[in-house]
Amino acid sequence: MDPFIRYHVSHFYHFCDRRNLPLIRELRGLLSLEQLEARNIEIPAPGGNDWSHDADRNKGLHRYVHLCLRNNHPMEFVARQEGRIVDTVFLQVSSEVLQLDGVMYASGVSNRADVPIRTIDEARGLIDFEVAYTRTDWTDPAIKRRLDNCEKCEILVPDFIPIELIRNIADG
């Protein structure tokens, strides 16, 4: 059985600053960095900095919208600490996004040089679904390490995620 179904994965997350929500609504969804740049659209409060955008471009990841498995990601923490994000919103993106062509998976922070990018089919055997989607004892150091690793993972969606797949866009 497909583990996304077995573990009842209904959505993934995209973090951003609340100040970006009007633009996301206007664009009718989430655009990749490449699409934003091609259209000369400036993000009100970008989560990424110049270094992360350059690293994304170097790996071709600027062509993707980045999603988290859980509503926590180390890059969100860094963006908040550096003041790029003030009021974080974790948008819930329907797992139907997996049906779009070209969706990929990163088993860590995607723009790191040592993190391979894989297909969603490969991801089915790599994602720690137990820790990501069930109740586990996070006080156990081994399980906490697994959780920390899981929270770095990313789903990469080419170009655009339509607003119809974003569940809580009206809430922000």
Protein backbone atom coordinates (compact mmCIF):
# COMPACT_ATOMS: atom_id res chain seq x y z
CA MET A 1 0.00 0.00 0.00
CA ASP A 2 1.19 3.52 -0.80
CA PRO A 3 2.61 4.92 2.48
CA PHE A 4 1.15 8.36 1.78
CA ILE A 5 -2.28 6.68 1.91
CA ARG A 6 -1.42 4.26 4.72
CA TYR A 7 -0.29 7.11 6.98
CA HIS A 8 -3.21 9.35 5.93
CA VAL A 9 -0.96 12.14 4.61
CA SER A 10 -3.49 14.80 3.68
CA HIS A 11 -1.21 17.80 3.25
CA PHE A 12 2.26 19.26 3.30
CA TYR A 13 3.31 22.76 4.39
CA HIS A 14 4.76 25.86 2.79
CA PHE A 15 6.01 28.46 5.25
CA CYS A 16 5.94 32.17 4.51
CA ASP A 17 5.39 35.49 6.19
CA ARG A 18 1.77 36.58 6.59
CA ARG A 19 2.66 39.70 4.54
CA ASN A 20 2.96 37.43 1.46
CA LEU A 21 -0.62 36.14 1.62
CA PRO A 22 -2.22 38.94 -0.46
CA LEU A 23 0.30 38.29 -3.26
CA ILE A 24 -0.31 34.52 -3.11
CA ARG A 25 -4.06 35.17 -3.39
CA GLU A 26 -3.52 37.62 -6.28
CA LEU A 27 -1.32 35.12 -8.14
CA ARG A 28 -3.87 32.36 -7.43
CA GLY A 29 -1.19 30.14 -5.89
CA LEU A 30 2.48 29.66 -5.12
CA LEU A 31 5.09 30.33 -7.78
CA SER A 32 8.65 29.05 -7.88
CA LEU A 33 11.49 31.54 -7.56
CA GLU A 34 12.16 31.10 -11.29
CA GLN A 35 8.55 31.99 -12.16
CA LEU A 36 8.56 34.98 -9.80
CA GLU A 37 11.78 36.31 -11.35
CA ALA A 38 10.57 35.71 -14.92
CA ARG A 39 7.51 37.85 -14.16
CA ASN A 40 9.48 40.49 -12.21
CA ILE A 41 7.37 39.85 -9.12
CA GLU A 42 8.90 40.98 -5.86
CA ILE A 43 8.03 38.99 -2.74
CA PRO A 44 7.02 41.33 0.13
CA ALA A 45 8.83 39.23 2.77
CA PRO A 46 11.03 36.54 1.18
CA GLY A 47 11.90 33.58 3.38
CA GLY A 48 15.12 32.92 1.52
CA ASN A 49 18.19 35.13 1.46
CA ASP A 50 20.62 35.74 -1.42
CA TRP A 51 22.76 32.75 -0.40
CA SER A 52 19.82 30.32 -0.37
CA HIS A 53 18.46 31.64 -3.67
CA ASP A 54 21.92 31.24 -5.26
CA ALA A 55 22.20 27.70 -3.84
CA ASP A 56 18.74 26.91 -5.24
CA ARG A 57 19.77 28.20 -8.67
CA ASN A 58 23.01 26.18 -8.58
CA LYS A 59 21.04 22.95 -8.07
CA GLY A 60 18.13 23.96 -10.34
CA LEU A 61 15.82 24.13 -7.33
CA HIS A 62 14.67 27.66 -8.10
CA ARG A 63 12.27 25.93 -10.52
CA TYR A 64 10.34 24.41 -7.60
CA VAL A 65 8.01 25.47 -4.83
CA HIS A 66 9.41 23.99 -1.63
CA LEU A 67 7.15 22.19 0.85
CA CYS A 68 7.80 20.67 4.29
CA LEU A 69 6.44 17.37 5.56
CA ARG A 70 5.55 18.95 8.91
CA ASN A 71 4.73 22.45 10.14
CA ASN A 72 8.30 22.93 11.24
CA HIS A 73 11.46 23.42 9.18
CA PRO A 74 14.94 24.61 10.20
CA MET A 75 15.00 27.20 7.40
CA GLU A 76 11.84 28.83 8.80
CA PHE A 77 13.61 29.18 12.14
CA VAL A 78 16.65 30.77 10.45
CA ALA A 79 14.45 33.16 8.42
CA ARG A 80 12.66 34.23 11.62
CA GLN A 81 15.93 34.66 13.54
CA GLU A 82 17.35 36.80 10.72
CA GLY A 83 14.16 38.91 10.59
CA ARG A 84 13.12 38.02 7.03
CA ILE A 85 9.97 36.41 8.39
CA VAL A 86 8.17 38.16 11.24
CA ASP A 87 4.79 36.41 11.36
CA THR A 88 5.09 32.84 10.07
CA VAL A 89 2.19 31.10 8.38
CA PHE A 90 2.41 27.42 7.47
CA LEU A 91 0.13 27.03 4.47
CA GLN A 92 -1.42 23.58 4.16
CA VAL A 93 -0.94 22.24 0.65
CA SER A 94 -3.08 19.25 -0.27
CA SER A 95 -1.25 15.98 -0.85
CA GLU A 96 -2.99 15.98 -4.24
CA VAL A 97 0.09 17.97 -5.25
CA LEU A 98 1.86 14.61 -5.55
CA GLN A 99 -0.21 13.95 -8.68
CA LEU A 100 1.40 16.89 -10.52
CA ASP A 101 4.10 16.07 -13.06
CA GLY A 102 7.71 16.34 -11.98
CA VAL A 103 7.26 16.48 -8.19
CA MET A 104 10.49 15.54 -6.42
CA TYR A 105 11.76 14.83 -2.91
CA ALA A 106 14.80 15.95 -0.92
CA SER A 107 15.82 13.94 2.14
CA GLY A 108 17.15 17.08 3.81
CA VAL A 109 17.42 20.81 3.21
CA SER A 110 17.20 20.61 -0.56
CA ASN A 111 19.82 23.18 -1.57
CA ARG A 112 22.61 21.57 0.44
CA ALA A 113 25.22 20.14 -1.92
CA ASP A 114 25.15 16.72 -0.25
CA VAL A 115 21.36 16.23 -0.36
CA PRO A 116 20.18 14.17 -3.33
CA ILE A 117 16.95 15.01 -5.14
CA ARG A 118 14.78 11.97 -5.82
CA THR A 119 11.48 11.11 -7.44
CA ILE A 120 8.33 10.79 -5.37
CA ASP A 121 8.31 7.06 -6.13
CA GLU A 122 11.77 6.78 -4.54
CA ALA A 123 10.60 8.92 -1.62
CA ARG A 124 7.97 6.35 -0.71
CA GLY A 125 10.79 4.11 0.50
CA LEU A 126 12.86 6.88 2.11
CA ILE A 127 10.48 9.04 4.15
CA ASP A 128 10.27 8.18 7.85
CA PHE A 129 6.47 8.08 7.82
CA GLU A 130 6.26 6.67 11.34
CA VAL A 131 7.96 9.67 12.91
CA ALA A 132 6.45 12.23 10.53
CA TYR A 133 2.84 11.10 10.74
CA THR A 134 2.22 9.09 13.92
CA ARG A 135 2.59 9.76 17.62
CA THR A 136 6.03 8.73 18.78
CA ASP A 137 8.04 9.43 21.93
CA TRP A 138 9.99 12.53 20.95
CA THR A 139 11.71 12.52 24.34
CA ASP A 140 13.59 9.40 23.21
CA PRO A 141 16.90 10.76 21.79
CA ALA A 142 16.92 8.32 18.85
CA ILE A 143 13.36 9.22 17.87
CA LYS A 144 14.11 12.94 18.33
CA ARG A 145 17.04 12.60 15.87
CA ARG A 146 14.71 10.90 13.39
CA LEU A 147 12.18 13.71 13.83
CA ASP A 148 14.85 16.38 13.37
CA ASN A 149 15.96 14.68 10.13
CA CYS A 150 12.37 14.37 8.95
CA GLU A 151 11.70 18.06 9.51
CA LYS A 152 14.49 18.96 7.07
CA CYS A 153 12.93 16.95 4.22
CA GLU A 154 11.20 18.73 1.35
CA ILE A 155 8.67 18.02 -1.36
CA LEU A 156 9.55 20.00 -4.51
CA VAL A 157 6.75 21.01 -6.88
CA PRO A 158 7.69 22.39 -10.31
CA ASP A 159 6.71 25.96 -11.16
CA PHE A 160 3.33 26.50 -9.52
CA ILE A 161 0.91 25.23 -6.90
CA PRO A 162 -2.65 26.37 -7.68
CA ILE A 163 -4.56 28.09 -4.91
CA GLU A 164 -7.19 25.35 -5.03
CA LEU A 165 -4.63 23.02 -3.44
CA ILE A 166 -3.90 25.44 -0.56
CA ARG A 167 -6.33 24.65 2.24
CA ASN A 168 -5.86 27.53 4.68
CA ILE A 169 -5.07 30.45 2.38
CA ALA A 170 -8.26 32.25 3.41
CA ASP A 171 -7.44 31.92 7.12
CA GLY A 172 -4.41 34.20 7.09
